[in-house]
Amino acid sequence: MRETIEKEISDFITNGAKQRIAPEDRLLEDGIIDSLSLLDLVEFIESTYEIVVDEFDIDGETFGSARSIAEYVLARRGCDVA
């Protein structure tokens, strides 16, 4: 399940950033997404996975990569992250 969410998130980011990303690419650190793109990403995550992203969770660790975002989504949905 994590791989599916990673791919969906990666595809969303790829469409906005116009560059292919890997699940472990550092989104904020490497400048792949900016603050406006981050807001779009949060909206996408909330609507797609029917969760509410806590504003305190929007940081470089949780939103650092597609993989960490997928793990966050699974945790918020009460699923096993492993």
C-alpha atoms as a PDB file:
ATOM      1  CA  MET A   1       0.000   0.000   0.000  1.00  0.00           C
ATOM      2  CA  ARG A   2       2.840   2.420   0.810  1.00  0.00           C
ATOM      3  CA  GLU A   3       4.292   1.977  -2.678  1.00  0.00           C
ATOM      4  CA  THR A   4       0.950   2.895  -4.262  1.00  0.00           C
ATOM      5  CA  ILE A   5       0.654   6.052  -2.186  1.00  0.00           C
ATOM      6  CA  GLU A   6       4.304   6.938  -2.937  1.00  0.00           C
ATOM      7  CA  LYS A   7       3.600   6.624  -6.666  1.00  0.00           C
ATOM      8  CA  GLU A   8       0.439   8.737  -6.485  1.00  0.00           C
ATOM      9  CA  ILE A   9       2.270  11.453  -4.557  1.00  0.00           C
ATOM     10  CA  SER A  10       5.293  11.271  -6.865  1.00  0.00           C
ATOM     11  CA  ASP A  11       3.032  11.552  -9.918  1.00  0.00           C
ATOM     12  CA  PHE A  12       1.253  14.584  -8.433  1.00  0.00           C
ATOM     13  CA  ILE A  13       4.575  16.296  -7.701  1.00  0.00           C
ATOM     14  CA  THR A  14       5.945  15.369 -11.129  1.00  0.00           C
ATOM     15  CA  ASN A  15       2.956  16.997 -12.815  1.00  0.00           C
ATOM     16  CA  GLY A  16       3.526  20.244 -10.900  1.00  0.00           C
ATOM     17  CA  ALA A  17       7.314  20.321 -10.886  1.00  0.00           C
ATOM     18  CA  LYS A  18       7.687  19.018 -14.435  1.00  0.00           C
ATOM     19  CA  GLN A  19      10.444  16.663 -13.329  1.00  0.00           C
ATOM     20  CA  ARG A  20      10.414  13.000 -12.397  1.00  0.00           C
ATOM     21  CA  ILE A  21      11.119  12.255  -8.753  1.00  0.00           C
ATOM     22  CA  ALA A  22      12.007   9.135  -6.810  1.00  0.00           C
ATOM     23  CA  PRO A  23      10.237   8.266  -3.529  1.00  0.00           C
ATOM     24  CA  GLU A  24      13.307   9.206  -1.500  1.00  0.00           C
ATOM     25  CA  ASP A  25      14.102  12.529  -3.237  1.00  0.00           C
ATOM     26  CA  ARG A  26      14.309  15.420  -0.759  1.00  0.00           C
ATOM     27  CA  LEU A  27      11.448  17.636  -1.921  1.00  0.00           C
ATOM     28  CA  LEU A  28      12.058  20.789   0.099  1.00  0.00           C
ATOM     29  CA  GLU A  29      15.817  20.533   0.580  1.00  0.00           C
ATOM     30  CA  ASP A  30      16.464  20.069  -3.140  1.00  0.00           C
ATOM     31  CA  GLY A  31      13.984  22.758  -4.195  1.00  0.00           C
ATOM     32  CA  ILE A  32      11.727  20.321  -6.038  1.00  0.00           C
ATOM     33  CA  ILE A  33       8.707  21.983  -4.418  1.00  0.00           C
ATOM     34  CA  ASP A  34       8.303  25.460  -2.948  1.00  0.00           C
ATOM     35  CA  SER A  35       5.888  26.761  -0.326  1.00  0.00           C
ATOM     36  CA  LEU A  36       3.024  27.221  -2.798  1.00  0.00           C
ATOM     37  CA  SER A  37       3.556  23.748  -4.220  1.00  0.00           C
ATOM     38  CA  LEU A  38       3.581  22.423  -0.669  1.00  0.00           C
ATOM     39  CA  LEU A  39       0.129  23.917  -0.046  1.00  0.00           C
ATOM     40  CA  ASP A  40      -1.166  22.296  -3.240  1.00  0.00           C
ATOM     41  CA  LEU A  41       0.352  19.010  -2.114  1.00  0.00           C
ATOM     42  CA  VAL A  42      -1.356  19.230   1.281  1.00  0.00           C
ATOM     43  CA  GLU A  43      -4.711  19.889  -0.420  1.00  0.00           C
ATOM     44  CA  PHE A  44      -4.129  16.908  -2.717  1.00  0.00           C
ATOM     45  CA  ILE A  45      -3.289  14.648   0.217  1.00  0.00           C
ATOM     46  CA  GLU A  46      -6.300  15.747   2.244  1.00  0.00           C
ATOM     47  CA  SER A  47      -8.771  15.271  -0.599  1.00  0.00           C
ATOM     48  CA  THR A  48      -7.264  12.084  -2.016  1.00  0.00           C
ATOM     49  CA  TYR A  49      -6.706  10.212   1.240  1.00  0.00           C
ATOM     50  CA  GLU A  50      -9.535  11.787   3.240  1.00  0.00           C
ATOM     51  CA  ILE A  51      -7.345  12.893   6.122  1.00  0.00           C
ATOM     52  CA  VAL A  52      -6.727  16.228   7.789  1.00  0.00           C
ATOM     53  CA  VAL A  53      -3.104  17.315   7.800  1.00  0.00           C
ATOM     54  CA  ASP A  54      -2.231  19.017  11.058  1.00  0.00           C
ATOM     55  CA  GLU A  55      -0.395  22.288  10.415  1.00  0.00           C
ATOM     56  CA  PHE A  56       2.264  21.229  12.941  1.00  0.00           C
ATOM     57  CA  ASP A  57       3.011  18.148  10.813  1.00  0.00           C
ATOM     58  CA  ILE A  58       3.982  20.241   7.800  1.00  0.00           C
ATOM     59  CA  ASP A  59       7.733  20.203   8.204  1.00  0.00           C
ATOM     60  CA  GLY A  60      10.866  19.103   6.405  1.00  0.00           C
ATOM     61  CA  GLU A  61      10.830  15.681   8.014  1.00  0.00           C
ATOM     62  CA  THR A  62       7.215  14.646   7.430  1.00  0.00           C
ATOM     63  CA  PHE A  63       7.019  16.299   4.020  1.00  0.00           C
ATOM     64  CA  GLY A  64      10.652  15.644   3.130  1.00  0.00           C
ATOM     65  CA  SER A  65      10.001  12.979   0.505  1.00  0.00           C
ATOM     66  CA  ALA A  66       7.182  11.077  -1.166  1.00  0.00           C
ATOM     67  CA  ARG A  67       8.117   8.111   1.025  1.00  0.00           C
ATOM     68  CA  SER A  68       7.828  10.061   4.287  1.00  0.00           C
ATOM     69  CA  ILE A  69       4.528  11.569   3.141  1.00  0.00           C
ATOM     70  CA  ALA A  70       3.172   8.091   2.304  1.00  0.00           C
ATOM     71  CA  GLU A  71       4.170   6.881   5.764  1.00  0.00           C
ATOM     72  CA  TYR A  72       2.444   9.912   7.289  1.00  0.00           C
ATOM     73  CA  VAL A  73      -0.744   9.223   5.303  1.00  0.00           C
ATOM     74  CA  LEU A  74      -0.780   5.594   6.431  1.00  0.00           C
ATOM     75  CA  ALA A  75      -0.222   6.567  10.052  1.00  0.00           C
ATOM     76  CA  ARG A  76      -3.031   9.160   9.921  1.00  0.00           C
ATOM     77  CA  ARG A  77      -5.346   6.533   8.470  1.00  0.00           C
ATOM     78  CA  GLY A  78      -4.421   4.127  11.260  1.00  0.00           C
ATOM     79  CA  CYS A  79      -2.625   1.677   8.983  1.00  0.00           C
ATOM     80  CA  ASP A  80       0.589  -0.198   9.641  1.00  0.00           C
ATOM     81  CA  VAL A  81       3.451   1.812   8.138  1.00  0.00           C
ATOM     82  CA  ALA A  82       5.803  -1.151   7.662  1.00  0.00           C
END
